[in-house]
Amino acid sequence: MSTNSPPIGLRSIIAYKTAKAWVEATLGLALLALLPFGLPGWLDAAGTGLRQHFVHAWSIRLLDRIVRDTNRYHIELTIAALLLDAALTAVEAHALKRRWWWGPWLVVVASSVLIPFEVLEWLRHPRPTPLLIVVVNLAVVAYFVRHAWRTHARSGGQHN
């Protein structure tokens, strides 16, 4: 490994963000391509059909929600969110990979902006998954604040 390669934590986050951007873009584009061919109707029919085969309360609630939220507006909103997040995540990964000085700060802002909402969600419904999301996002923010400050200090405040 070269002495100029990024630390393992940074490489891991770049790999995660790259994979996440590809998955979100692929899913968003696939949904967009299927939308004109009756995607809302397919999802509604699949959810209704599957609901008849499940007996556990949690699975019935999940399928009820899927059926309720499979209208065109919710699907278009989901597609837009997937594609916008894919674009932002790809920019984050690229900026980190290229080691642009503002890359870590972009990740700090993008990762921390939703933390208050995630905390509220966890307070409303205290479950392990929302708490895990908050903890992971806080860890990513802390890592990048530390990384950005160290990079800034090493460069003497000069940006490339």
Protein backbone atom coordinates (compact mmCIF):
# COMPACT_ATOMS: atom_id res chain seq x y z
CA MET A 1 0.00 0.00 0.00
CA SER A 2 1.36 3.44 -0.84
CA THR A 3 2.10 5.94 1.91
CA ASN A 4 -0.17 8.38 0.12
CA SER A 5 -3.28 6.19 0.27
CA PRO A 6 -6.14 7.40 2.47
CA PRO A 7 -6.67 5.89 5.93
CA ILE A 8 -8.80 2.73 6.15
CA GLY A 9 -11.73 4.64 7.68
CA LEU A 10 -11.77 7.08 4.80
CA ARG A 11 -11.42 4.30 2.20
CA SER A 12 -14.31 2.43 3.83
CA ILE A 13 -16.57 5.47 3.75
CA ILE A 14 -15.65 6.21 0.12
CA ALA A 15 -16.46 2.60 -0.83
CA TYR A 16 -19.76 2.71 1.10
CA LYS A 17 -20.80 6.01 -0.46
CA THR A 18 -19.86 4.84 -3.96
CA ALA A 19 -21.87 1.62 -3.57
CA LYS A 20 -24.82 3.49 -2.02
CA ALA A 21 -24.88 5.99 -4.89
CA TRP A 22 -24.89 3.18 -7.50
CA VAL A 23 -27.65 1.23 -5.73
CA GLU A 24 -29.85 4.30 -5.26
CA ALA A 25 -29.34 5.48 -8.83
CA THR A 26 -30.06 2.02 -10.23
CA LEU A 27 -33.19 1.59 -8.13
CA GLY A 28 -34.41 5.12 -8.88
CA LEU A 29 -33.89 4.69 -12.63
CA ALA A 30 -35.54 1.25 -12.60
CA LEU A 31 -38.61 2.64 -10.82
CA LEU A 32 -38.67 5.60 -13.20
CA ALA A 33 -38.57 3.24 -16.19
CA LEU A 34 -41.41 1.11 -14.76
CA LEU A 35 -43.63 4.06 -13.78
CA PRO A 36 -45.30 4.50 -17.20
CA PHE A 37 -46.10 0.79 -17.34
CA GLY A 38 -48.41 0.75 -14.31
CA LEU A 39 -45.97 0.42 -11.42
CA PRO A 40 -48.44 1.77 -8.81
CA GLY A 41 -51.02 -0.83 -9.84
CA TRP A 42 -48.47 -3.65 -9.76
CA LEU A 43 -47.31 -2.69 -6.27
CA ASP A 44 -50.88 -2.37 -5.02
CA ALA A 45 -51.84 -5.77 -6.44
CA ALA A 46 -48.69 -7.42 -5.09
CA GLY A 47 -49.22 -5.94 -1.63
CA THR A 48 -52.87 -6.93 -1.54
CA GLY A 49 -52.07 -10.44 -2.77
CA LEU A 50 -49.23 -10.93 -0.29
CA ARG A 51 -51.36 -9.63 2.58
CA GLN A 52 -53.64 -12.64 2.22
CA HIS A 53 -50.70 -14.98 2.91
CA PHE A 54 -49.29 -13.38 6.06
CA VAL A 55 -50.62 -13.82 9.57
CA HIS A 56 -48.14 -11.95 11.77
CA ALA A 57 -49.31 -8.51 12.87
CA TRP A 58 -46.06 -6.77 11.89
CA SER A 59 -46.14 -8.15 8.35
CA ILE A 60 -49.81 -7.20 7.91
CA ARG A 61 -49.06 -3.64 9.11
CA LEU A 62 -46.11 -3.41 6.72
CA LEU A 63 -48.16 -4.62 3.75
CA ASP A 64 -51.04 -2.29 4.68
CA ARG A 65 -48.60 0.59 4.58
CA ILE A 66 -47.14 -0.52 1.25
CA VAL A 67 -50.62 -0.77 -0.27
CA ARG A 68 -51.60 2.63 1.17
CA ASP A 69 -48.43 4.34 -0.10
CA THR A 70 -48.31 2.91 -3.62
CA ASN A 71 -50.01 5.83 -5.30
CA ARG A 72 -48.24 7.65 -8.12
CA TYR A 73 -47.36 10.70 -5.98
CA HIS A 74 -45.55 8.63 -3.32
CA ILE A 75 -43.70 6.63 -5.96
CA GLU A 76 -42.59 9.78 -7.81
CA LEU A 77 -41.46 11.30 -4.49
CA THR A 78 -39.48 8.14 -3.72
CA ILE A 79 -37.86 8.20 -7.17
CA ALA A 80 -36.88 11.87 -6.76
CA ALA A 81 -35.45 11.22 -3.28
CA LEU A 82 -33.46 8.21 -4.50
CA LEU A 83 -31.98 10.06 -7.48
CA LEU A 84 -31.18 13.25 -5.53
CA ASP A 85 -29.57 11.31 -2.70
CA ALA A 86 -27.63 9.21 -5.21
CA ALA A 87 -26.28 12.39 -6.82
CA LEU A 88 -25.29 13.96 -3.48
CA THR A 89 -23.70 10.72 -2.27
CA ALA A 90 -21.75 10.35 -5.52
CA VAL A 91 -20.43 13.92 -5.17
CA GLU A 92 -19.43 13.17 -1.56
CA ALA A 93 -17.57 9.99 -2.59
CA HIS A 94 -15.84 11.72 -5.49
CA ALA A 95 -14.78 14.72 -3.39
CA LEU A 96 -13.38 12.41 -0.70
CA LYS A 97 -11.59 10.23 -3.24
CA ARG A 98 -10.02 13.26 -4.93
CA ARG A 99 -9.16 14.61 -1.47
CA TRP A 100 -10.67 17.99 -2.14
CA TRP A 101 -10.46 20.11 1.00
CA TRP A 102 -14.21 20.70 1.14
CA GLY A 103 -15.11 16.99 0.74
CA PRO A 104 -15.08 16.14 4.46
CA TRP A 105 -17.07 19.28 5.23
CA LEU A 106 -19.70 18.30 2.66
CA VAL A 107 -20.03 14.91 4.38
CA VAL A 108 -20.30 16.63 7.78
CA VAL A 109 -23.12 18.88 6.59
CA ALA A 110 -24.94 16.15 4.63
CA SER A 111 -24.67 13.64 7.49
CA SER A 112 -25.58 16.00 10.31
CA VAL A 113 -28.50 17.86 8.76
CA LEU A 114 -30.94 15.01 9.37
CA ILE A 115 -29.71 14.00 12.83
CA PRO A 116 -32.28 16.15 14.70
CA PHE A 117 -35.10 14.47 12.75
CA GLU A 118 -33.62 11.03 13.40
CA VAL A 119 -33.43 11.80 17.13
CA LEU A 120 -37.07 12.96 17.12
CA GLU A 121 -38.08 9.76 15.32
CA TRP A 122 -36.24 7.70 17.90
CA LEU A 123 -37.84 9.64 20.77
CA ARG A 124 -41.26 9.07 19.22
CA HIS A 125 -40.63 5.37 18.60
CA PRO A 126 -37.68 4.20 20.73
CA ARG A 127 -36.37 1.17 18.84
CA PRO A 128 -32.85 -0.07 18.18
CA THR A 129 -32.74 0.71 14.44
CA PRO A 130 -33.40 4.49 14.65
CA LEU A 131 -30.94 4.71 17.54
CA LEU A 132 -28.32 2.84 15.51
CA ILE A 133 -28.82 5.27 12.61
CA VAL A 134 -28.27 8.25 14.93
CA VAL A 135 -25.15 6.69 16.47
CA VAL A 136 -23.64 5.80 13.07
CA ASN A 137 -24.34 9.28 11.66
CA LEU A 138 -22.83 10.91 14.76
CA ALA A 139 -19.73 8.70 14.40
CA VAL A 140 -19.37 9.64 10.71
CA VAL A 141 -19.77 13.35 11.53
CA ALA A 142 -17.21 13.12 14.38
CA TYR A 143 -14.74 11.25 12.14
CA PHE A 144 -14.99 13.83 9.36
CA VAL A 145 -14.84 16.86 11.64
CA ARG A 146 -11.62 15.43 13.09
CA HIS A 147 -10.32 14.52 9.63
CA ALA A 148 -11.18 17.94 8.16
CA TRP A 149 -9.55 19.84 11.03
CA ARG A 150 -6.38 17.73 10.82
CA THR A 151 -6.19 18.20 7.05
CA HIS A 152 -6.74 21.93 7.47
CA ALA A 153 -4.05 22.15 10.15
CA ARG A 154 -1.51 20.16 8.06
CA SER A 155 -2.06 22.40 5.05
CA GLY A 156 -1.64 25.54 7.14
CA GLY A 157 -5.12 26.67 6.13
CA GLN A 158 -4.23 26.59 2.42
CA HIS A 159 -6.79 24.95 0.11
CA ASN A 160 -5.88 23.14 -3.07
